[in-house]
PDB file of N, CA and C in Angstrom:
ATOM      1  N   MET A   1     187.329  -1.672 -54.910  1.00  0.00           N
ATOM      2  CA  MET A   1     186.820  -2.025 -53.845  1.00  0.00           C
ATOM      3  C   MET A   1     186.200  -3.484 -54.104  1.00  0.00           C
ATOM      4  N   GLY A   2     185.041  -4.136 -52.786  1.00  0.00           N
ATOM      5  CA  GLY A   2     185.733  -4.968 -52.384  1.00  0.00           C
ATOM      6  C   GLY A   2     184.266  -6.256 -52.864  1.00  0.00           C
ATOM      7  N   ALA A   3     184.242  -7.489 -53.393  1.00  0.00           N
ATOM      8  CA  ALA A   3     182.615  -7.720 -54.042  1.00  0.00           C
ATOM      9  C   ALA A   3     181.858  -7.670 -53.405  1.00  0.00           C
ATOM     10  N   ILE A   4     180.398  -7.700 -53.813  1.00  0.00           N
ATOM     11  CA  ILE A   4     179.085  -7.081 -52.657  1.00  0.00           C
ATOM     12  C   ILE A   4     178.617  -7.845 -53.152  1.00  0.00           C
ATOM     13  N   ALA A   5     177.401  -9.002 -51.481  1.00  0.00           N
ATOM     14  CA  ALA A   5     177.163  -9.948 -50.629  1.00  0.00           C
ATOM     15  C   ALA A   5     176.368  -9.724 -51.315  1.00  0.00           C
ATOM     16  N   VAL A   6     175.597 -10.779 -52.463  1.00  0.00           N
ATOM     17  CA  VAL A   6     174.118 -10.311 -53.152  1.00  0.00           C
ATOM     18  C   VAL A   6     173.461 -12.022 -52.953  1.00  0.00           C
ATOM     19  N   SER A   7     172.287 -12.279 -52.676  1.00  0.00           N
ATOM     20  CA  SER A   7     171.855 -13.385 -53.164  1.00  0.00           C
ATOM     21  C   SER A   7     171.319 -14.287 -53.764  1.00  0.00           C
ATOM     22  N   LYS A   8     171.255 -15.604 -54.592  1.00  0.00           N
ATOM     23  CA  LYS A   8     171.468 -16.489 -55.705  1.00  0.00           C
ATOM     24  C   LYS A   8     170.458 -15.662 -56.683  1.00  0.00           C
ATOM     25  N   LYS A   9     169.505 -15.178 -56.484  1.00  0.00           N
ATOM     26  CA  LYS A   9     168.693 -14.478 -57.442  1.00  0.00           C
ATOM     27  C   LYS A   9     169.091 -13.038 -57.522  1.00  0.00           C
ATOM     28  N   GLU A  10     169.555 -12.875 -56.862  1.00  0.00           N
ATOM     29  CA  GLU A  10     170.311 -11.309 -57.480  1.00  0.00           C
ATOM     30  C   GLU A  10     171.098 -11.250 -58.332  1.00  0.00           C
ATOM     31  N   GLU A  11     171.615 -12.886 -57.798  1.00  0.00           N
ATOM     32  CA  GLU A  11     173.256 -12.967 -59.316  1.00  0.00           C
ATOM     33  C   GLU A  11     172.510 -13.309 -60.021  1.00  0.00           C
ATOM     34  N   GLN A  12     170.864 -14.427 -60.415  1.00  0.00           N
ATOM     35  CA  GLN A  12     170.667 -14.420 -61.492  1.00  0.00           C
ATOM     36  C   GLN A  12     170.108 -13.608 -62.589  1.00  0.00           C
ATOM     37  N   GLN A  13     169.349 -12.962 -61.284  1.00  0.00           N
ATOM     38  CA  GLN A  13     169.366 -10.960 -62.078  1.00  0.00           C
ATOM     39  C   GLN A  13     169.961 -10.371 -62.998  1.00  0.00           C
ATOM     40  N   ILE A  14     171.550 -10.481 -62.556  1.00  0.00           N
ATOM     41  CA  ILE A  14     172.583  -9.845 -62.700  1.00  0.00           C
ATOM     42  C   ILE A  14     173.074 -10.626 -64.018  1.00  0.00           C
ATOM     43  N   GLU A  15     172.941 -11.741 -63.939  1.00  0.00           N
ATOM     44  CA  GLU A  15     173.614 -12.718 -64.990  1.00  0.00           C
ATOM     45  C   GLU A  15     172.561 -12.334 -65.795  1.00  0.00           C
ATOM     46  N   TRP A  16     171.220 -12.653 -66.398  1.00  0.00           N
ATOM     47  CA  TRP A  16     170.026 -12.651 -67.087  1.00  0.00           C
ATOM     48  C   TRP A  16     170.779 -11.046 -67.870  1.00  0.00           C
ATOM     49  N   LEU A  17     170.787  -9.965 -66.838  1.00  0.00           N
ATOM     50  CA  LEU A  17     170.806  -8.109 -67.116  1.00  0.00           C
ATOM     51  C   LEU A  17     171.601  -8.569 -67.812  1.00  0.00           C
ATOM     52  N   ARG A  18     173.151  -8.173 -68.271  1.00  0.00           N
ATOM     53  CA  ARG A  18     174.170  -8.754 -68.480  1.00  0.00           C
ATOM     54  C   ARG A  18     174.131  -8.854 -69.695  1.00  0.00           C
ATOM     55  N   LYS A  19     173.302 -10.381 -69.685  1.00  0.00           N
ATOM     56  CA  LYS A  19     173.031 -10.965 -71.303  1.00  0.00           C
ATOM     57  C   LYS A  19     172.165  -9.753 -71.493  1.00  0.00           C
ATOM     58  N   GLU A  20     171.578  -9.954 -71.988  1.00  0.00           N
ATOM     59  CA  GLU A  20     170.191  -9.349 -72.504  1.00  0.00           C
ATOM     60  C   GLU A  20     170.398  -8.582 -73.134  1.00  0.00           C
ATOM     61  N   LEU A  21     171.358  -7.148 -71.969  1.00  0.00           N
ATOM     62  CA  LEU A  21     172.071  -6.407 -72.598  1.00  0.00           C
ATOM     63  C   LEU A  21     173.225  -5.710 -73.722  1.00  0.00           C
ATOM     64  N   GLY A  22     173.741  -7.166 -73.555  1.00  0.00           N
ATOM     65  CA  GLY A  22     175.005  -7.264 -73.423  1.00  0.00           C
ATOM     66  C   GLY A  22     176.509  -6.335 -73.202  1.00  0.00           C
ATOM     67  N   ILE A  23     176.770  -6.819 -72.241  1.00  0.00           N
ATOM     68  CA  ILE A  23     177.374  -6.526 -71.214  1.00  0.00           C
ATOM     69  C   ILE A  23     178.644  -7.798 -70.959  1.00  0.00           C
ATOM     70  N   ALA A  24     180.110  -7.194 -71.034  1.00  0.00           N
ATOM     71  CA  ALA A  24     180.577  -8.435 -71.063  1.00  0.00           C
ATOM     72  C   ALA A  24     180.575  -8.578 -69.187  1.00  0.00           C
ATOM     73  N   THR A  25     181.123  -8.016 -68.676  1.00  0.00           N
ATOM     74  CA  THR A  25     180.684  -7.673 -67.486  1.00  0.00           C
ATOM     75  C   THR A  25     179.986  -7.666 -66.321  1.00  0.00           C
ATOM     76  N   LYS A  26     179.927  -7.866 -64.874  1.00  0.00           N
ATOM     77  CA  LYS A  26     178.431  -7.349 -64.025  1.00  0.00           C
ATOM     78  C   LYS A  26     179.836  -6.170 -64.257  1.00  0.00           C
ATOM     79  N   SER A  27     181.055  -6.082 -63.665  1.00  0.00           N
ATOM     80  CA  SER A  27     181.245  -4.020 -63.106  1.00  0.00           C
ATOM     81  C   SER A  27     181.078  -3.738 -64.387  1.00  0.00           C
ATOM     82  N   GLY A  28     180.432  -4.319 -65.398  1.00  0.00           N
ATOM     83  CA  GLY A  28     180.111  -3.025 -67.006  1.00  0.00           C
ATOM     84  C   GLY A  28     178.639  -2.665 -66.286  1.00  0.00           C
ATOM     85  N   LEU A  29     178.114  -3.744 -65.443  1.00  0.00           N
ATOM     86  CA  LEU A  29     176.664  -3.363 -65.999  1.00  0.00           C
ATOM     87  C   LEU A  29     175.621  -2.624 -64.302  1.00  0.00           C
ATOM     88  N   ILE A  30     177.296  -2.998 -63.256  1.00  0.00           N
ATOM     89  CA  ILE A  30     177.235  -2.168 -62.771  1.00  0.00           C
ATOM     90  C   ILE A  30     177.241  -0.514 -63.046  1.00  0.00           C
ATOM     91  N   ARG A  31     178.514  -0.244 -63.636  1.00  0.00           N
ATOM     92  CA  ARG A  31     178.204   1.116 -64.610  1.00  0.00           C
ATOM     93  C   ARG A  31     177.493   1.812 -64.800  1.00  0.00           C
ATOM     94  N   THR A  32     176.851   0.698 -65.110  1.00  0.00           N
ATOM     95  CA  THR A  32     175.843   1.026 -66.533  1.00  0.00           C
ATOM     96  C   THR A  32     175.096   1.395 -65.610  1.00  0.00           C
ATOM     97  N   ALA A  33     174.439   0.523 -64.782  1.00  0.00           N
ATOM     98  CA  ALA A  33     173.112   0.477 -63.842  1.00  0.00           C
ATOM     99  C   ALA A  33     173.459   2.108 -63.013  1.00  0.00           C
ATOM    100  N   LEU A  34     174.575   2.214 -62.182  1.00  0.00           N
ATOM    101  CA  LEU A  34     174.869   3.493 -61.050  1.00  0.00           C
ATOM    102  C   LEU A  34     174.393   4.923 -62.273  1.00  0.00           C
ATOM    103  N   LYS A  35     175.429   4.824 -63.673  1.00  0.00           N
ATOM    104  CA  LYS A  35     174.965   5.975 -64.864  1.00  0.00           C
ATOM    105  C   LYS A  35     173.551   6.766 -65.507  1.00  0.00           C
ATOM    106  N   THR A  36     172.741   5.228 -65.229  1.00  0.00           N
ATOM    107  CA  THR A  36     170.595   5.531 -65.989  1.00  0.00           C
ATOM    108  C   THR A  36     170.635   5.996 -63.712  1.00  0.00           C
ATOM    109  N   LEU A  37     171.198   5.661 -62.776  1.00  0.00           N
ATOM    110  CA  LEU A  37     170.132   6.276 -61.798  1.00  0.00           C
ATOM    111  C   LEU A  37     170.106   7.911 -61.697  1.00  0.00           C
ATOM    112  N   GLU A  38     172.312   7.331 -61.768  1.00  0.00           N
ATOM    113  CA  GLU A  38     172.105   8.309 -61.469  1.00  0.00           C
ATOM    114  C   GLU A  38     171.585  10.192 -62.961  1.00  0.00           C
ATOM    115  N   LYS A  39     171.542   9.862 -63.720  1.00  0.00           N
ATOM    116  CA  LYS A  39     171.007   9.928 -65.038  1.00  0.00           C
ATOM    117  C   LYS A  39     169.239  10.400 -64.951  1.00  0.00           C
ATOM    118  N   LYS A  40     168.927   9.138 -64.034  1.00  0.00           N
ATOM    119  CA  LYS A  40     166.834   9.245 -63.657  1.00  0.00           C
ATOM    120  C   LYS A  40     166.600  10.142 -61.807  1.00  0.00           C
ATOM    121  N   THR A  41     168.450  10.607 -61.640  1.00  0.00           N
ATOM    122  CA  THR A  41     167.689  10.937 -60.228  1.00  0.00           C
ATOM    123  C   THR A  41     168.640  12.415 -60.841  1.00  0.00           C
ATOM    124  N   GLN A  42     168.942  12.995 -61.575  1.00  0.00           N
ATOM    125  CA  GLN A  42     169.103  13.950 -61.946  1.00  0.00           C
ATOM    126  C   GLN A  42     167.761  15.119 -62.948  1.00  0.00           C
ATOM    127  N   GLU A  43     167.509  13.635 -63.453  1.00  0.00           N
ATOM    128  CA  GLU A  43     166.148  14.484 -64.421  1.00  0.00           C
ATOM    129  C   GLU A  43     164.927  14.790 -62.855  1.00  0.00           C
ATOM    130  N   GLU A  44     164.510  13.646 -61.891  1.00  0.00           N
ATOM    131  CA  GLU A  44     163.357  13.298 -61.544  1.00  0.00           C
ATOM    132  C   GLU A  44     163.885  15.375 -60.440  1.00  0.00           C
ATOM    133  N   LYS A  45     165.187  15.427 -60.214  1.00  0.00           N
ATOM    134  CA  LYS A  45     164.869  16.094 -59.387  1.00  0.00           C
ATOM    135  C   LYS A  45     165.134  18.014 -60.041  1.00  0.00           C
ATOM    136  N   LEU A  46     165.342  17.461 -61.578  1.00  0.00           N
ATOM    137  CA  LEU A  46     165.325  18.280 -62.316  1.00  0.00           C
ATOM    138  C   LEU A  46     163.075  18.978 -62.700  1.00  0.00           C
ATOM    139  N   ARG A  47     162.603  18.620 -62.809  1.00  0.00           N
ATOM    140  CA  ARG A  47     160.933  18.141 -62.421  1.00  0.00           C
ATOM    141  C   ARG A  47     160.723  19.422 -61.043  1.00  0.00           C
ATOM    142  N   ARG A  48     161.862  18.174 -60.140  1.00  0.00           N
ATOM    143  CA  ARG A  48     161.156  18.920 -59.017  1.00  0.00           C
ATOM    144  C   ARG A  48     160.620  20.072 -59.037  1.00  0.00           C
ATOM    145  N   ASP A  49     162.487  20.476 -59.426  1.00  0.00           N
ATOM    146  CA  ASP A  49     162.604  21.889 -59.167  1.00  0.00           C
ATOM    147  C   ASP A  49     161.913  22.840 -60.030  1.00  0.00           C
ATOM    148  N   ILE A  50     161.525  22.552 -61.544  1.00  0.00           N
ATOM    149  CA  ILE A  50     160.574  22.762 -61.869  1.00  0.00           C
ATOM    150  C   ILE A  50     159.634  22.986 -61.847  1.00  0.00           C
ATOM    151  N   GLN A  51     159.036  22.265 -61.225  1.00  0.00           N
ATOM    152  CA  GLN A  51     157.171  22.574 -60.753  1.00  0.00           C
ATOM    153  C   GLN A  51     156.871  23.395 -58.896  1.00  0.00           C
ATOM    154  N   GLU A  52     158.008  23.472 -58.941  1.00  0.00           N
ATOM    155  CA  GLU A  52     158.371  24.377 -57.290  1.00  0.00           C
ATOM    156  C   GLU A  52     158.522  25.813 -58.191  1.00  0.00           C
ATOM    157  N   SER A  53     158.637  25.967 -59.073  1.00  0.00           N
ATOM    158  CA  SER A  53     159.081  27.269 -59.608  1.00  0.00           C
ATOM    159  C   SER A  53     158.227  27.570 -60.203  1.00  0.00           C
ATOM    160  N   VAL A  54     157.224  26.610 -60.580  1.00  0.00           N
ATOM    161  CA  VAL A  54     156.382  26.560 -61.431  1.00  0.00           C
ATOM    162  C   VAL A  54     155.103  27.195 -60.496  1.00  0.00           C
ATOM    163  N   ARG A  55     155.320  27.025 -59.440  1.00  0.00           N
ATOM    164  CA  ARG A  55     154.353  26.601 -57.954  1.00  0.00           C
ATOM    165  C   ARG A  55     154.772  28.216 -58.156  1.00  0.00           C
ATOM    166  N   ARG A  56     155.676  28.001 -57.879  1.00  0.00           N
ATOM    167  CA  ARG A  56     156.267  29.621 -57.170  1.00  0.00           C
ATOM    168  C   ARG A  56     155.585  31.251 -58.113  1.00  0.00           C
ATOM    169  N   CYS A  57     155.696  30.560 -58.893  1.00  0.00           N
ATOM    170  CA  CYS A  57     155.907  31.689 -60.424  1.00  0.00           C
ATOM    171  C   CYS A  57     154.316  32.047 -60.740  1.00  0.00           C
ATOM    172  N   ALA A  58     153.204  30.510 -60.276  1.00  0.00           N
ATOM    173  CA  ALA A  58     151.023  31.320 -60.111  1.00  0.00           C
ATOM    174  C   ALA A  58     151.344  32.155 -59.612  1.00  0.00           C
ATOM    175  N   ALA A  59     151.699  32.296 -58.162  1.00  0.00           N
ATOM    176  CA  ALA A  59     151.137  32.474 -57.018  1.00  0.00           C
ATOM    177  C   ALA A  59     151.534  34.634 -57.644  1.00  0.00           C
ATOM    178  N   ALA A  60     153.198  34.191 -57.644  1.00  0.00           N
ATOM    179  CA  ALA A  60     152.869  35.926 -58.063  1.00  0.00           C
ATOM    180  C   ALA A  60     152.247  36.319 -59.453  1.00  0.00           C
ATOM    181  N   ASP A  61     152.464  35.180 -59.977  1.00  0.00           N
ATOM    182  CA  ASP A  61     150.760  36.185 -61.346  1.00  0.00           C
ATOM    183  C   ASP A  61     150.329  36.015 -61.510  1.00  0.00           C
ATOM    184  N   LYS A  62     148.990  34.977 -60.142  1.00  0.00           N
ATOM    185  CA  LYS A  62     147.719  35.884 -59.688  1.00  0.00           C
ATOM    186  C   LYS A  62     147.758  36.279 -58.808  1.00  0.00           C
ATOM    187  N   GLU A  63     148.497  36.951 -57.670  1.00  0.00           N
ATOM    188  CA  GLU A  63     148.404  37.987 -57.849  1.00  0.00           C
ATOM    189  C   GLU A  63     148.842  39.920 -58.686  1.00  0.00           C
ATOM    190  N   GLU A  64     148.977  39.479 -59.470  1.00  0.00           N
ATOM    191  CA  GLU A  64     150.067  40.443 -60.062  1.00  0.00           C
ATOM    192  C   GLU A  64     148.549  41.089 -61.449  1.00  0.00           C
ATOM    193  N   ASN A  65     148.314  39.592 -61.083  1.00  0.00           N
ATOM    194  CA  ASN A  65     146.313  39.771 -62.263  1.00  0.00           C
ATOM    195  C   ASN A  65     145.888  40.221 -61.232  1.00  0.00           C
ATOM    196  N   ARG A  66     145.791  40.000 -60.257  1.00  0.00           N
ATOM    197  CA  ARG A  66     144.151  40.341 -59.643  1.00  0.00           C
ATOM    198  C   ARG A  66     144.717  41.874 -59.333  1.00  0.00           C
ATOM    199  N   GLU A  67     145.478  42.372 -58.851  1.00  0.00           N
ATOM    200  CA  GLU A  67     145.949  43.057 -59.227  1.00  0.00           C
ATOM    201  C   GLU A  67     145.382  44.820 -60.306  1.00  0.00           C
ATOM    202  N   LEU A  68     146.533  43.942 -61.435  1.00  0.00           N
ATOM    203  CA  LEU A  68     146.390  45.113 -62.633  1.00  0.00           C
ATOM    204  C   LEU A  68     144.735  44.389 -63.377  1.00  0.00           C
ATOM    205  N   PHE A  69     143.959  44.001 -62.655  1.00  0.00           N
ATOM    206  CA  PHE A  69     142.423  43.885 -63.037  1.00  0.00           C
ATOM    207  C   PHE A  69     141.338  44.567 -62.350  1.00  0.00           C
ATOM    208  N   PHE A  70     142.090  45.249 -60.866  1.00  0.00           N
ATOM    209  CA  PHE A  70     140.983  45.917 -60.565  1.00  0.00           C
ATOM    210  C   PHE A  70     142.228  47.140 -60.522  1.00  0.00           C
ATOM    211  N   ALA A  71     142.797  47.564 -61.111  1.00  0.00           N
ATOM    212  CA  ALA A  71     143.621  48.611 -61.720  1.00  0.00           C
ATOM    213  C   ALA A  71     143.261  49.799 -62.866  1.00  0.00           C
ATOM    214  N   GLY A  72     142.135  48.320 -63.397  1.00  0.00           N
ATOM    215  CA  GLY A  72     141.417  48.621 -64.691  1.00  0.00           C
ATOM    216  C   GLY A  72     139.675  48.755 -64.596  1.00  0.00           C
ATOM    217  N   VAL A  73     139.498  48.118 -63.265  1.00  0.00           N
ATOM    218  CA  VAL A  73     138.277  48.538 -63.180  1.00  0.00           C
ATOM    219  C   VAL A  73     137.855  49.372 -64.363  1.00  0.00           C
ATOM    220  N   ALA A  74     136.968  49.925 -65.466  1.00  0.00           N
ATOM    221  CA  ALA A  74     136.062  50.891 -65.300  1.00  0.00           C
ATOM    222  C   ALA A  74     135.062  51.917 -64.098  1.00  0.00           C
ATOM    223  N   ARG A  75     135.866  52.611 -64.398  1.00  0.00           N
ATOM    224  CA  ARG A  75     134.728  53.327 -62.888  1.00  0.00           C
ATOM    225  C   ARG A  75     134.218  54.827 -63.411  1.00  0.00           C
ATOM    226  N   GLU A  76     132.430  54.799 -62.451  1.00  0.00           N
ATOM    227  CA  GLU A  76     131.914  56.138 -63.119  1.00  0.00           C
ATOM    228  C   GLU A  76     132.180  57.402 -62.930  1.00  0.00           C
ATOM    229  N   ILE A  77     132.993  58.171 -63.816  1.00  0.00           N
ATOM    230  CA  ILE A  77     133.372  59.537 -63.531  1.00  0.00           C
ATOM    231  C   ILE A  77     132.857  60.597 -62.348  1.00  0.00           C
ATOM    232  N   PRO A  78     132.496  60.987 -61.976  1.00  0.00           N
ATOM    233  CA  PRO A  78     131.182  61.827 -61.634  1.00  0.00           C
ATOM    234  C   PRO A  78     131.295  63.544 -62.851  1.00  0.00           C
ATOM    235  N   GLY A  79     130.019  63.606 -62.872  1.00  0.00           N
ATOM    236  CA  GLY A  79     129.745  64.673 -63.507  1.00  0.00           C
ATOM    237  C   GLY A  79     130.141  64.569 -65.258  1.00  0.00           C
ATOM    238  N   GLU A  80     130.374  63.423 -66.303  1.00  0.00           N
ATOM    239  CA  GLU A  80     129.916  63.034 -66.882  1.00  0.00           C
ATOM    240  C   GLU A  80     129.687  62.103 -67.906  1.00  0.00           C
TER     241      GLU A  80
END
């Protein structure tokens, strides 16, 4: 892949970050950034998937608890 056009300010940010992290090359910095973004994206997707699963299960649990509650309500038995 070829060069990527960046502003002077972005170039300075890249250089500062590269030096701050002790990464030898700009391409190394880009690789590190991509891995980090990919990991963050996967974690965020997992978090959303878990939240959705919890929402679905909560609704089912609520319905099941309601059914169990009504099934277990003591009723007077005529003649006792």
